[in-house]
Amino acid sequence: LSCAASGDSVGSHCTGWFRQAPGKDREGVAFIDGRGITTYDASVKGRF
């Protein structure tokens, strides 16, 4: 998956991905902060 940003630098923000399946809440998947440190949901760690 790709995410193209405009209007500001992605490195200046906490950015990442959520996902939502039908009938379920939107859940966090993976994120990266301004320092480049990443955080993954346990369900995807090692795969994403």
ModelCIF file with pLDDT and N, C-alpha, C, O atoms, coordinates in Angstrom:
data_MODEL
#
_entry.id   MODEL 
#
_entity.id                         1 
_entity.type                       polymer 
_entity.pdbx_number_of_molecules   1 
#
_entity_poly.entity_id                      1 
_entity_poly.type                           'polypeptide(L)' 
_entity_poly.nstd_linkage                   no 
_entity_poly.nstd_monomer                   no 
_entity_poly.pdbx_seq_one_letter_code       LSCAASGDSVGSHCTGWFRQAPGKDREGVAFIDGRGITTYDASVKGRF 
_entity_poly.pdbx_seq_one_letter_code_can   LSCAASGDSVGSHCTGWFRQAPGKDREGVAFIDGRGITTYDASVKGRF 
_entity_poly.pdbx_strand_id                 A 
#
loop_
_entity_poly_seq.entity_id 
_entity_poly_seq.num 
_entity_poly_seq.mon_id 
_entity_poly_seq.hetero 
1 1  LEU n 
1 2  SER n 
1 3  CYS n 
1 4  ALA n 
1 5  ALA n 
1 6  SER n 
1 7  GLY n 
1 8  ASP n 
1 9  SER n 
1 10 VAL n 
1 11 GLY n 
1 12 SER n 
1 13 HIS n 
1 14 CYS n 
1 15 THR n 
1 16 GLY n 
1 17 TRP n 
1 18 PHE n 
1 19 ARG n 
1 20 GLN n 
1 21 ALA n 
1 22 PRO n 
1 23 GLY n 
1 24 LYS n 
1 25 ASP n 
1 26 ARG n 
1 27 GLU n 
1 28 GLY n 
1 29 VAL n 
1 30 ALA n 
1 31 PHE n 
1 32 ILE n 
1 33 ASP n 
1 34 GLY n 
1 35 ARG n 
1 36 GLY n 
1 37 ILE n 
1 38 THR n 
1 39 THR n 
1 40 TYR n 
1 41 ASP n 
1 42 ALA n 
1 43 SER n 
1 44 VAL n 
1 45 LYS n 
1 46 GLY n 
1 47 ARG n 
1 48 PHE n 
#
_struct_asym.id          A 
_struct_asym.entity_id   1 
#
loop_
_ma_qa_metric.id 
_ma_qa_metric.mode 
_ma_qa_metric.name 
_ma_qa_metric.software_group_id 
_ma_qa_metric.type 
1 global pLDDT . pLDDT 
2 local  pLDDT . pLDDT 
#
_ma_qa_metric_global.metric_id      1 
_ma_qa_metric_global.metric_value   96.75 
_ma_qa_metric_global.model_id       1 
_ma_qa_metric_global.ordinal_id     1 
#
loop_
_ma_qa_metric_local.label_asym_id 
_ma_qa_metric_local.label_comp_id 
_ma_qa_metric_local.label_seq_id 
_ma_qa_metric_local.metric_id 
_ma_qa_metric_local.metric_value 
_ma_qa_metric_local.model_id 
_ma_qa_metric_local.ordinal_id 
A LEU 1  2 98.00 1 1  
A SER 2  2 98.00 1 2  
A CYS 3  2 98.00 1 3  
A ALA 4  2 98.00 1 4  
A ALA 5  2 97.00 1 5  
A SER 6  2 97.00 1 6  
A GLY 7  2 95.00 1 7  
A ASP 8  2 94.00 1 8  
A SER 9  2 95.00 1 9  
A VAL 10 2 93.00 1 10 
A GLY 11 2 94.00 1 11 
A SER 12 2 94.00 1 12 
A HIS 13 2 95.00 1 13 
A CYS 14 2 97.00 1 14 
A THR 15 2 97.00 1 15 
A GLY 16 2 97.00 1 16 
A TRP 17 2 98.00 1 17 
A PHE 18 2 98.00 1 18 
A ARG 19 2 98.00 1 19 
A GLN 20 2 98.00 1 20 
A ALA 21 2 97.00 1 21 
A PRO 22 2 94.00 1 22 
A GLY 23 2 95.00 1 23 
A LYS 24 2 96.00 1 24 
A ASP 25 2 96.00 1 25 
A ARG 26 2 97.00 1 26 
A GLU 27 2 97.00 1 27 
A GLY 28 2 97.00 1 28 
A VAL 29 2 98.00 1 29 
A ALA 30 2 98.00 1 30 
A PHE 31 2 98.00 1 31 
A ILE 32 2 97.00 1 32 
A ASP 33 2 97.00 1 33 
A GLY 34 2 96.00 1 34 
A ARG 35 2 96.00 1 35 
A GLY 36 2 96.00 1 36 
A ILE 37 2 97.00 1 37 
A THR 38 2 98.00 1 38 
A THR 39 2 97.00 1 39 
A TYR 40 2 98.00 1 40 
A ASP 41 2 97.00 1 41 
A ALA 42 2 97.00 1 42 
A SER 43 2 97.00 1 43 
A VAL 44 2 98.00 1 44 
A LYS 45 2 97.00 1 45 
A GLY 46 2 98.00 1 46 
A ARG 47 2 98.00 1 47 
A PHE 48 2 98.00 1 48 
#
loop_
_atom_site.group_PDB 
_atom_site.id 
_atom_site.type_symbol 
_atom_site.label_atom_id 
_atom_site.label_alt_id 
_atom_site.label_comp_id 
_atom_site.label_asym_id 
_atom_site.label_entity_id 
_atom_site.label_seq_id 
_atom_site.pdbx_PDB_ins_code 
_atom_site.Cartn_x 
_atom_site.Cartn_y 
_atom_site.Cartn_z 
_atom_site.occupancy 
_atom_site.B_iso_or_equiv 
_atom_site.pdbx_formal_charge 
_atom_site.auth_seq_id 
_atom_site.auth_comp_id 
_atom_site.auth_asym_id 
_atom_site.auth_atom_id 
_atom_site.pdbx_PDB_model_num 
ATOM 1   N N  . LEU A 1 1  ? 0.833   -1.188  0.000  1.00 98.00 ? 1  LEU A N  1 
ATOM 2   C CA . LEU A 1 1  ? 0.000   0.000   0.000  1.00 98.00 ? 1  LEU A CA 1 
ATOM 3   C C  . LEU A 1 1  ? 0.874   1.246   0.000  1.00 98.00 ? 1  LEU A C  1 
ATOM 4   O O  . LEU A 1 1  ? 1.960   1.261   0.578  1.00 98.00 ? 1  LEU A O  1 
ATOM 5   N N  . SER A 1 2  ? 0.383   2.283   -0.655 1.00 98.00 ? 2  SER A N  1 
ATOM 6   C CA . SER A 1 2  ? 1.085   3.550   -0.713 1.00 98.00 ? 2  SER A CA 1 
ATOM 7   C C  . SER A 1 2  ? 0.197   4.663   -0.194 1.00 98.00 ? 2  SER A C  1 
ATOM 8   O O  . SER A 1 2  ? -1.027  4.601   -0.308 1.00 98.00 ? 2  SER A O  1 
ATOM 9   N N  . CYS A 1 3  ? 0.820   5.675   0.373  1.00 98.00 ? 3  CYS A N  1 
ATOM 10  C CA . CYS A 1 3  ? 0.123   6.857   0.859  1.00 98.00 ? 3  CYS A CA 1 
ATOM 11  C C  . CYS A 1 3  ? 0.936   8.070   0.445  1.00 98.00 ? 3  CYS A C  1 
ATOM 12  O O  . CYS A 1 3  ? 2.024   8.308   0.969  1.00 98.00 ? 3  CYS A O  1 
ATOM 13  N N  . ALA A 1 4  ? 0.406   8.831   -0.489 1.00 98.00 ? 4  ALA A N  1 
ATOM 14  C CA . ALA A 1 4  ? 1.069   10.032  -0.977 1.00 98.00 ? 4  ALA A CA 1 
ATOM 15  C C  . ALA A 1 4  ? 0.535   11.246  -0.239 1.00 98.00 ? 4  ALA A C  1 
ATOM 16  O O  . ALA A 1 4  ? -0.674  11.472  -0.197 1.00 98.00 ? 4  ALA A O  1 
ATOM 17  N N  . ALA A 1 5  ? 1.431   12.026  0.342  1.00 97.00 ? 5  ALA A N  1 
ATOM 18  C CA . ALA A 1 5  ? 1.049   13.196  1.116  1.00 97.00 ? 5  ALA A CA 1 
ATOM 19  C C  . ALA A 1 5  ? 1.391   14.475  0.364  1.00 97.00 ? 5  ALA A C  1 
ATOM 20  O O  . ALA A 1 5  ? 2.314   14.517  -0.449 1.00 97.00 ? 5  ALA A O  1 
ATOM 21  N N  . SER A 1 6  ? 0.625   15.504  0.659  1.00 97.00 ? 6  SER A N  1 
ATOM 22  C CA . SER A 1 6  ? 0.895   16.827  0.124  1.00 97.00 ? 6  SER A CA 1 
ATOM 23  C C  . SER A 1 6  ? 0.453   17.864  1.145  1.00 97.00 ? 6  SER A C  1 
ATOM 24  O O  . SER A 1 6  ? -0.336  17.566  2.041  1.00 97.00 ? 6  SER A O  1 
ATOM 25  N N  . GLY A 1 7  ? 0.957   19.066  1.010  1.00 95.00 ? 7  GLY A N  1 
ATOM 26  C CA . GLY A 1 7  ? 0.606   20.131  1.930  1.00 95.00 ? 7  GLY A CA 1 
ATOM 27  C C  . GLY A 1 7  ? 1.541   20.257  3.116  1.00 95.00 ? 7  GLY A C  1 
ATOM 28  O O  . GLY A 1 7  ? 1.657   21.335  3.698  1.00 95.00 ? 7  GLY A O  1 
ATOM 29  N N  . ASP A 1 8  ? 2.206   19.177  3.483  1.00 94.00 ? 8  ASP A N  1 
ATOM 30  C CA . ASP A 1 8  ? 3.168   19.174  4.573  1.00 94.00 ? 8  ASP A CA 1 
ATOM 31  C C  . ASP A 1 8  ? 4.022   17.919  4.464  1.00 94.00 ? 8  ASP A C  1 
ATOM 32  O O  . ASP A 1 8  ? 3.688   16.998  3.719  1.00 94.00 ? 8  ASP A O  1 
ATOM 33  N N  . SER A 1 9  ? 5.106   17.884  5.194  1.00 95.00 ? 9  SER A N  1 
ATOM 34  C CA . SER A 1 9  ? 6.030   16.758  5.152  1.00 95.00 ? 9  SER A CA 1 
ATOM 35  C C  . SER A 1 9  ? 5.564   15.650  6.076  1.00 95.00 ? 9  SER A C  1 
ATOM 36  O O  . SER A 1 9  ? 5.189   15.898  7.222  1.00 95.00 ? 9  SER A O  1 
ATOM 37  N N  . VAL A 1 10 ? 5.589   14.421  5.569  1.00 93.00 ? 10 VAL A N  1 
ATOM 38  C CA . VAL A 1 10 ? 5.152   13.292  6.390  1.00 93.00 ? 10 VAL A CA 1 
ATOM 39  C C  . VAL A 1 10 ? 6.058   13.116  7.598  1.00 93.00 ? 10 VAL A C  1 
ATOM 40  O O  . VAL A 1 10 ? 5.613   12.630  8.638  1.00 93.00 ? 10 VAL A O  1 
ATOM 41  N N  . GLY A 1 11 ? 7.311   13.500  7.475  1.00 94.00 ? 11 GLY A N  1 
ATOM 42  C CA . GLY A 1 11 ? 8.236   13.387  8.589  1.00 94.00 ? 11 GLY A CA 1 
ATOM 43  C C  . GLY A 1 11 ? 7.932   14.310  9.748  1.00 94.00 ? 11 GLY A C  1 
ATOM 44  O O  . GLY A 1 11 ? 8.506   14.155  10.826 1.00 94.00 ? 11 GLY A O  1 
ATOM 45  N N  . SER A 1 12 ? 7.045   15.263  9.553  1.00 94.00 ? 12 SER A N  1 
ATOM 46  C CA . SER A 1 12 ? 6.671   16.197  10.603 1.00 94.00 ? 12 SER A CA 1 
ATOM 47  C C  . SER A 1 12 ? 5.478   15.717  11.422 1.00 94.00 ? 12 SER A C  1 
ATOM 48  O O  . SER A 1 12 ? 5.053   16.399  12.354 1.00 94.00 ? 12 SER A O  1 
ATOM 49  N N  . HIS A 1 13 ? 4.942   14.566  11.086 1.00 95.00 ? 13 HIS A N  1 
ATOM 50  C CA . HIS A 1 13 ? 3.731   14.062  11.718 1.00 95.00 ? 13 HIS A CA 1 
ATOM 51  C C  . HIS A 1 13 ? 3.887   12.619  12.173 1.00 95.00 ? 13 HIS A C  1 
ATOM 52  O O  . HIS A 1 13 ? 4.714   11.867  11.657 1.00 95.00 ? 13 HIS A O  1 
ATOM 53  N N  . CYS A 1 14 ? 3.083   12.261  13.137 1.00 97.00 ? 14 CYS A N  1 
ATOM 54  C CA . CYS A 1 14 ? 2.818   10.849  13.362 1.00 97.00 ? 14 CYS A CA 1 
ATOM 55  C C  . CYS A 1 14 ? 1.881   10.382  12.255 1.00 97.00 ? 14 CYS A C  1 
ATOM 56  O O  . CYS A 1 14 ? 0.802   10.946  12.074 1.00 97.00 ? 14 CYS A O  1 
ATOM 57  N N  . THR A 1 15 ? 2.283   9.367   11.525 1.00 97.00 ? 15 THR A N  1 
ATOM 58  C CA . THR A 1 15 ? 1.500   8.867   10.403 1.00 97.00 ? 15 THR A CA 1 
ATOM 59  C C  . THR A 1 15 ? 1.428   7.354   10.460 1.00 97.00 ? 15 THR A C  1 
ATOM 60  O O  . THR A 1 15 ? 2.235   6.707   11.128 1.00 97.00 ? 15 THR A O  1 
ATOM 61  N N  . GLY A 1 16 ? 0.461   6.799   9.757  1.00 97.00 ? 16 GLY A N  1 
ATOM 62  C CA . GLY A 1 16 ? 0.363   5.355   9.722  1.00 97.00 ? 16 GLY A CA 1 
ATOM 63  C C  . GLY A 1 16 ? -0.914  4.882   9.072  1.00 97.00 ? 16 GLY A C  1 
ATOM 64  O O  . GLY A 1 16 ? -1.519  5.579   8.258  1.00 97.00 ? 16 GLY A O  1 
ATOM 65  N N  . TRP A 1 17 ? -1.314  3.674   9.452  1.00 98.00 ? 17 TRP A N  1 
ATOM 66  C CA . TRP A 1 17 ? -2.438  3.003   8.830  1.00 98.00 ? 17 TRP A CA 1 
ATOM 67  C C  . TRP A 1 17 ? -3.396  2.436   9.857  1.00 98.00 ? 17 TRP A C  1 
ATOM 68  O O  . TRP A 1 17 ? -2.987  1.824   10.843 1.00 98.00 ? 17 TRP A O  1 
ATOM 69  N N  . PHE A 1 18 ? -4.674  2.648   9.609  1.00 98.00 ? 18 PHE A N  1 
ATOM 70  C CA . PHE A 1 18 ? -5.763  1.962   10.283 1.00 98.00 ? 18 PHE A CA 1 
ATOM 71  C C  . PHE A 1 18 ? -6.425  1.013   9.288  1.00 98.00 ? 18 PHE A C  1 
ATOM 72  O O  . PHE A 1 18 ? -6.209  1.120   8.081  1.00 98.00 ? 18 PHE A O  1 
ATOM 73  N N  . ARG A 1 19 ? -7.225  0.091   9.798  1.00 98.00 ? 19 ARG A N  1 
ATOM 74  C CA . ARG A 1 19 ? -8.043  -0.749  8.938  1.00 98.00 ? 19 ARG A CA 1 
ATOM 75  C C  . ARG A 1 19 ? -9.381  -1.015  9.603  1.00 98.00 ? 19 ARG A C  1 
ATOM 76  O O  . ARG A 1 19 ? -9.502  -0.991  10.828 1.00 98.00 ? 19 ARG A O  1 
ATOM 77  N N  . GLN A 1 20 ? -10.380 -1.267  8.775  1.00 98.00 ? 20 GLN A N  1 
ATOM 78  C CA . GLN A 1 20 ? -11.718 -1.519  9.279  1.00 98.00 ? 20 GLN A CA 1 
ATOM 79  C C  . GLN A 1 20 ? -12.393 -2.575  8.424  1.00 98.00 ? 20 GLN A C  1 
ATOM 80  O O  . GLN A 1 20 ? -12.571 -2.398  7.219  1.00 98.00 ? 20 GLN A O  1 
ATOM 81  N N  . ALA A 1 21 ? -12.765 -3.672  9.061  1.00 97.00 ? 21 ALA A N  1 
ATOM 82  C CA . ALA A 1 21 ? -13.525 -4.724  8.413  1.00 97.00 ? 21 ALA A CA 1 
ATOM 83  C C  . ALA A 1 21 ? -15.007 -4.484  8.654  1.00 97.00 ? 21 ALA A C  1 
ATOM 84  O O  . ALA A 1 21 ? -15.366 -3.836  9.638  1.00 97.00 ? 21 ALA A O  1 
ATOM 85  N N  . PRO A 1 22 ? -15.881 -4.990  7.780  1.00 94.00 ? 22 PRO A N  1 
ATOM 86  C CA . PRO A 1 22 ? -17.324 -4.795  7.974  1.00 94.00 ? 22 PRO A CA 1 
ATOM 87  C C  . PRO A 1 22 ? -17.791 -5.275  9.340  1.00 94.00 ? 22 PRO A C  1 
ATOM 88  O O  . PRO A 1 22 ? -17.469 -6.385  9.763  1.00 94.00 ? 22 PRO A O  1 
ATOM 89  N N  . GLY A 1 23 ? -18.547 -4.433  10.022 1.00 95.00 ? 23 GLY A N  1 
ATOM 90  C CA . GLY A 1 23 ? -19.081 -4.775  11.323 1.00 95.00 ? 23 GLY A CA 1 
ATOM 91  C C  . GLY A 1 23 ? -18.108 -4.650  12.477 1.00 95.00 ? 23 GLY A C  1 
ATOM 92  O O  . GLY A 1 23 ? -18.463 -4.963  13.613 1.00 95.00 ? 23 GLY A O  1 
ATOM 93  N N  . LYS A 1 24 ? -16.890 -4.201  12.216 1.00 96.00 ? 24 LYS A N  1 
ATOM 94  C CA . LYS A 1 24 ? -15.888 -4.073  13.262 1.00 96.00 ? 24 LYS A CA 1 
ATOM 95  C C  . LYS A 1 24 ? -15.421 -2.630  13.388 1.00 96.00 ? 24 LYS A C  1 
ATOM 96  O O  . LYS A 1 24 ? -15.577 -1.829  12.466 1.00 96.00 ? 24 LYS A O  1 
ATOM 97  N N  . ASP A 1 25 ? -14.846 -2.312  14.546 1.00 96.00 ? 25 ASP A N  1 
ATOM 98  C CA . ASP A 1 25 ? -14.282 -0.987  14.767 1.00 96.00 ? 25 ASP A CA 1 
ATOM 99  C C  . ASP A 1 25 ? -13.013 -0.802  13.950 1.00 96.00 ? 25 ASP A C  1 
ATOM 100 O O  . ASP A 1 25 ? -12.333 -1.764  13.590 1.00 96.00 ? 25 ASP A O  1 
ATOM 101 N N  . ARG A 1 26 ? -12.717 0.450   13.670 1.00 97.00 ? 26 ARG A N  1 
ATOM 102 C CA . ARG A 1 26 ? -11.466 0.769   13.013 1.00 97.00 ? 26 ARG A CA 1 
ATOM 103 C C  . ARG A 1 26 ? -10.315 0.563   13.994 1.00 97.00 ? 26 ARG A C  1 
ATOM 104 O O  . ARG A 1 26 ? -10.366 1.051   15.123 1.00 97.00 ? 26 ARG A O  1 
ATOM 105 N N  . GLU A 1 27 ? -9.286  -0.152  13.572 1.00 97.00 ? 27 GLU A N  1 
ATOM 106 C CA . GLU A 1 27 ? -8.182  -0.478  14.451 1.00 97.00 ? 27 GLU A CA 1 
ATOM 107 C C  . GLU A 1 27 ? -6.851  -0.016  13.859 1.00 97.00 ? 27 GLU A C  1 
ATOM 108 O O  . GLU A 1 27 ? -6.669  0.004   12.642 1.00 97.00 ? 27 GLU A O  1 
ATOM 109 N N  . GLY A 1 28 ? -5.935  0.352   14.740 1.00 97.00 ? 28 GLY A N  1 
ATOM 110 C CA . GLY A 1 28 ? -4.612  0.758   14.315 1.00 97.00 ? 28 GLY A CA 1 
ATOM 111 C C  . GLY A 1 28 ? -3.790  -0.425  13.856 1.00 97.00 ? 28 GLY A C  1 
ATOM 112 O O  . GLY A 1 28 ? -3.849  -1.499  14.455 1.00 97.00 ? 28 GLY A O  1 
ATOM 113 N N  . VAL A 1 29 ? -3.024  -0.234  12.798 1.00 98.00 ? 29 VAL A N  1 
ATOM 114 C CA . VAL A 1 29 ? -2.218  -1.292  12.204 1.00 98.00 ? 29 VAL A CA 1 
ATOM 115 C C  . VAL A 1 29 ? -0.727  -1.036  12.393 1.00 98.00 ? 29 VAL A C  1 
ATOM 116 O O  . VAL A 1 29 ? -0.018  -1.874  12.950 1.00 98.00 ? 29 VAL A O  1 
ATOM 117 N N  . ALA A 1 30 ? -0.253  0.112   11.933 1.00 98.00 ? 30 ALA A N  1 
ATOM 118 C CA . ALA A 1 30 ? 1.168   0.429   11.984 1.00 98.00 ? 30 ALA A CA 1 
ATOM 119 C C  . ALA A 1 30 ? 1.346   1.934   11.928 1.00 98.00 ? 30 ALA A C  1 
ATOM 120 O O  . ALA A 1 30 ? 0.613   2.630   11.226 1.00 98.00 ? 30 ALA A O  1 
ATOM 121 N N  . PHE A 1 31 ? 2.340   2.440   12.684 1.00 98.00 ? 31 PHE A N  1 
ATOM 122 C CA . PHE A 1 31 ? 2.534   3.883   12.778 1.00 98.00 ? 31 PHE A CA 1 
ATOM 123 C C  . PHE A 1 31 ? 4.016   4.212   12.860 1.00 98.00 ? 31 PHE A C  1 
ATOM 124 O O  . PHE A 1 31 ? 4.832   3.398   13.292 1.00 98.00 ? 31 PHE A O  1 
ATOM 125 N N  . ILE A 1 32 ? 4.340   5.426   12.434 1.00 97.00 ? 32 ILE A N  1 
ATOM 126 C CA . ILE A 1 32 ? 5.704   5.914   12.506 1.00 97.00 ? 32 ILE A CA 1 
ATOM 127 C C  . ILE A 1 32 ? 5.672   7.361   12.979 1.00 97.00 ? 32 ILE A C  1 
ATOM 128 O O  . ILE A 1 32 ? 4.893   8.167   12.471 1.00 97.00 ? 32 ILE A O  1 
ATOM 129 N N  . ASP A 1 33 ? 6.525   7.690   13.959 1.00 97.00 ? 33 ASP A N  1 
ATOM 130 C CA . ASP A 1 33 ? 6.525   9.032   14.501 1.00 97.00 ? 33 ASP A CA 1 
ATOM 131 C C  . ASP A 1 33 ? 7.567   9.899   13.803 1.00 97.00 ? 33 ASP A C  1 
ATOM 132 O O  . ASP A 1 33 ? 8.236   9.461   12.867 1.00 97.00 ? 33 ASP A O  1 
ATOM 133 N N  . GLY A 1 34 ? 7.691   11.137  14.278 1.00 96.00 ? 34 GLY A N  1 
ATOM 134 C CA . GLY A 1 34 ? 8.598   12.069  13.638 1.00 96.00 ? 34 GLY A CA 1 
ATOM 135 C C  . GLY A 1 34 ? 10.053  11.666  13.691 1.00 96.00 ? 34 GLY A C  1 
ATOM 136 O O  . GLY A 1 34 ? 10.854  12.130  12.880 1.00 96.00 ? 34 GLY A O  1 
ATOM 137 N N  . ARG A 1 35 ? 10.412  10.806  14.638 1.00 96.00 ? 35 ARG A N  1 
ATOM 138 C CA . ARG A 1 35 ? 11.781  10.309  14.739 1.00 96.00 ? 35 ARG A CA 1 
ATOM 139 C C  . ARG A 1 35 ? 12.033  9.070   13.892 1.00 96.00 ? 35 ARG A C  1 
ATOM 140 O O  . ARG A 1 35 ? 13.170  8.612   13.785 1.00 96.00 ? 35 ARG A O  1 
ATOM 141 N N  . GLY A 1 36 ? 10.977  8.524   13.288 1.00 96.00 ? 36 GLY A N  1 
ATOM 142 C CA . GLY A 1 36 ? 11.117  7.322   12.492 1.00 96.00 ? 36 GLY A CA 1 
ATOM 143 C C  . GLY A 1 36 ? 10.911  6.039   13.259 1.00 96.00 ? 36 GLY A C  1 
ATOM 144 O O  . GLY A 1 36 ? 11.181  4.960   12.731 1.00 96.00 ? 36 GLY A O  1 
ATOM 145 N N  . ILE A 1 37 ? 10.443  6.123   14.487 1.00 97.00 ? 37 ILE A N  1 
ATOM 146 C CA . ILE A 1 37 ? 10.189  4.940   15.297 1.00 97.00 ? 37 ILE A CA 1 
ATOM 147 C C  . ILE A 1 37 ? 8.829   4.361   14.927 1.00 97.00 ? 37 ILE A C  1 
ATOM 148 O O  . ILE A 1 37 ? 7.835   5.085   14.880 1.00 97.00 ? 37 ILE A O  1 
ATOM 149 N N  . THR A 1 38 ? 8.784   3.074   14.669 1.00 98.00 ? 38 THR A N  1 
ATOM 150 C CA . THR A 1 38 ? 7.561   2.411   14.229 1.00 98.00 ? 38 THR A CA 1 
ATOM 151 C C  . THR A 1 38 ? 6.913   1.622   15.348 1.00 98.00 ? 38 THR A C  1 
ATOM 152 O O  . THR A 1 38 ? 7.579   1.148   16.269 1.00 98.00 ? 38 THR A O  1 
ATOM 153 N N  . THR A 1 39 ? 5.605   1.491   15.250 1.00 97.00 ? 39 THR A N  1 
ATOM 154 C CA . THR A 1 39 ? 4.804   0.705   16.176 1.00 97.00 ? 39 THR A CA 1 
ATOM 155 C C  . THR A 1 39 ? 3.831   -0.132  15.358 1.00 97.00 ? 39 THR A C  1 
ATOM 156 O O  . THR A 1 39 ? 3.190   0.380   14.440 1.00 97.00 ? 39 THR A O  1 
ATOM 157 N N  . TYR A 1 40 ? 3.718   -1.421  15.687 1.00 98.00 ? 40 TYR A N  1 
ATOM 158 C CA . TYR A 1 40 ? 2.838   -2.332  14.966 1.00 98.00 ? 40 TYR A CA 1 
ATOM 159 C C  . TYR A 1 40 ? 1.856   -2.989  15.913 1.00 98.00 ? 40 TYR A C  1 
ATOM 160 O O  . TYR A 1 40 ? 2.176   -3.285  17.065 1.00 98.00 ? 40 TYR A O  1 
ATOM 161 N N  . ASP A 1 41 ? 0.658   -3.211  15.407 1.00 97.00 ? 41 ASP A N  1 
ATOM 162 C CA . ASP A 1 41 ? -0.274  -4.040  16.139 1.00 97.00 ? 41 ASP A CA 1 
ATOM 163 C C  . ASP A 1 41 ? 0.251   -5.471  16.178 1.00 97.00 ? 41 ASP A C  1 
ATOM 164 O O  . ASP A 1 41 ? 0.874   -5.933  15.222 1.00 97.00 ? 41 ASP A O  1 
ATOM 165 N N  . ALA A 1 42 ? 0.000   -6.166  17.277 1.00 97.00 ? 42 ALA A N  1 
ATOM 166 C CA . ALA A 1 42 ? 0.517   -7.520  17.434 1.00 97.00 ? 42 ALA A CA 1 
ATOM 167 C C  . ALA A 1 42 ? 0.066   -8.456  16.321 1.00 97.00 ? 42 ALA A C  1 
ATOM 168 O O  . ALA A 1 42 ? 0.779   -9.396  15.970 1.00 97.00 ? 42 ALA A O  1 
ATOM 169 N N  . SER A 1 43 ? -1.110  -8.205  15.766 1.00 97.00 ? 43 SER A N  1 
ATOM 170 C CA . SER A 1 43 ? -1.649  -9.090  14.752 1.00 97.00 ? 43 SER A CA 1 
ATOM 171 C C  . SER A 1 43 ? -0.888  -9.029  13.434 1.00 97.00 ? 43 SER A C  1 
ATOM 172 O O  . SER A 1 43 ? -1.010  -9.937  12.612 1.00 97.00 ? 43 SER A O  1 
ATOM 173 N N  . VAL A 1 44 ? -0.108  -7.981  13.218 1.00 98.00 ? 44 VAL A N  1 
ATOM 174 C CA . VAL A 1 44 ? 0.605   -7.824  11.953 1.00 98.00 ? 44 VAL A CA 1 
ATOM 175 C C  . VAL A 1 44 ? 2.118   -7.801  12.117 1.00 98.00 ? 44 VAL A C  1 
ATOM 176 O O  . VAL A 1 44 ? 2.844   -7.848  11.124 1.00 98.00 ? 44 VAL A O  1 
ATOM 177 N N  . LYS A 1 45 ? 2.601   -7.730  13.340 1.00 97.00 ? 45 LYS A N  1 
ATOM 178 C CA . LYS A 1 45 ? 4.039   -7.638  13.565 1.00 97.00 ? 45 LYS A CA 1 
ATOM 179 C C  . LYS A 1 45 ? 4.746   -8.874  13.018 1.00 97.00 ? 45 LYS A C  1 
ATOM 180 O O  . LYS A 1 45 ? 4.334   -10.007 13.268 1.00 97.00 ? 45 LYS A O  1 
ATOM 181 N N  . GLY A 1 46 ? 5.804   -8.636  12.277 1.00 98.00 ? 46 GLY A N  1 
ATOM 182 C CA . GLY A 1 46 ? 6.532   -9.704  11.623 1.00 98.00 ? 46 GLY A CA 1 
ATOM 183 C C  . GLY A 1 46 ? 6.070   -9.977  10.213 1.00 98.00 ? 46 GLY A C  1 
ATOM 184 O O  . GLY A 1 46 ? 6.784   -10.620 9.443  1.00 98.00 ? 46 GLY A O  1 
ATOM 185 N N  . ARG A 1 47 ? 4.887   -9.503  9.857  1.00 98.00 ? 47 ARG A N  1 
ATOM 186 C CA . ARG A 1 47 ? 4.347   -9.697  8.516  1.00 98.00 ? 47 ARG A CA 1 
ATOM 187 C C  . ARG A 1 47 ? 4.271   -8.394  7.728  1.00 98.00 ? 47 ARG A C  1 
ATOM 188 O O  . ARG A 1 47 ? 4.489   -8.384  6.516  1.00 98.00 ? 47 ARG A O  1 
ATOM 189 N N  . PHE A 1 48 ? 3.965   -7.305  8.410  1.00 98.00 ? 48 PHE A N  1 
ATOM 190 C CA . PHE A 1 48 ? 3.825   -5.995  7.766  1.00 98.00 ? 48 PHE A CA 1 
ATOM 191 C C  . PHE A 1 48 ? 5.033   -5.130  8.108  1.00 98.00 ? 48 PHE A C  1 
ATOM 192 O O  . PHE A 1 48 ? 5.117   -3.984  7.667  1.00 98.00 ? 48 PHE A O  1 
#
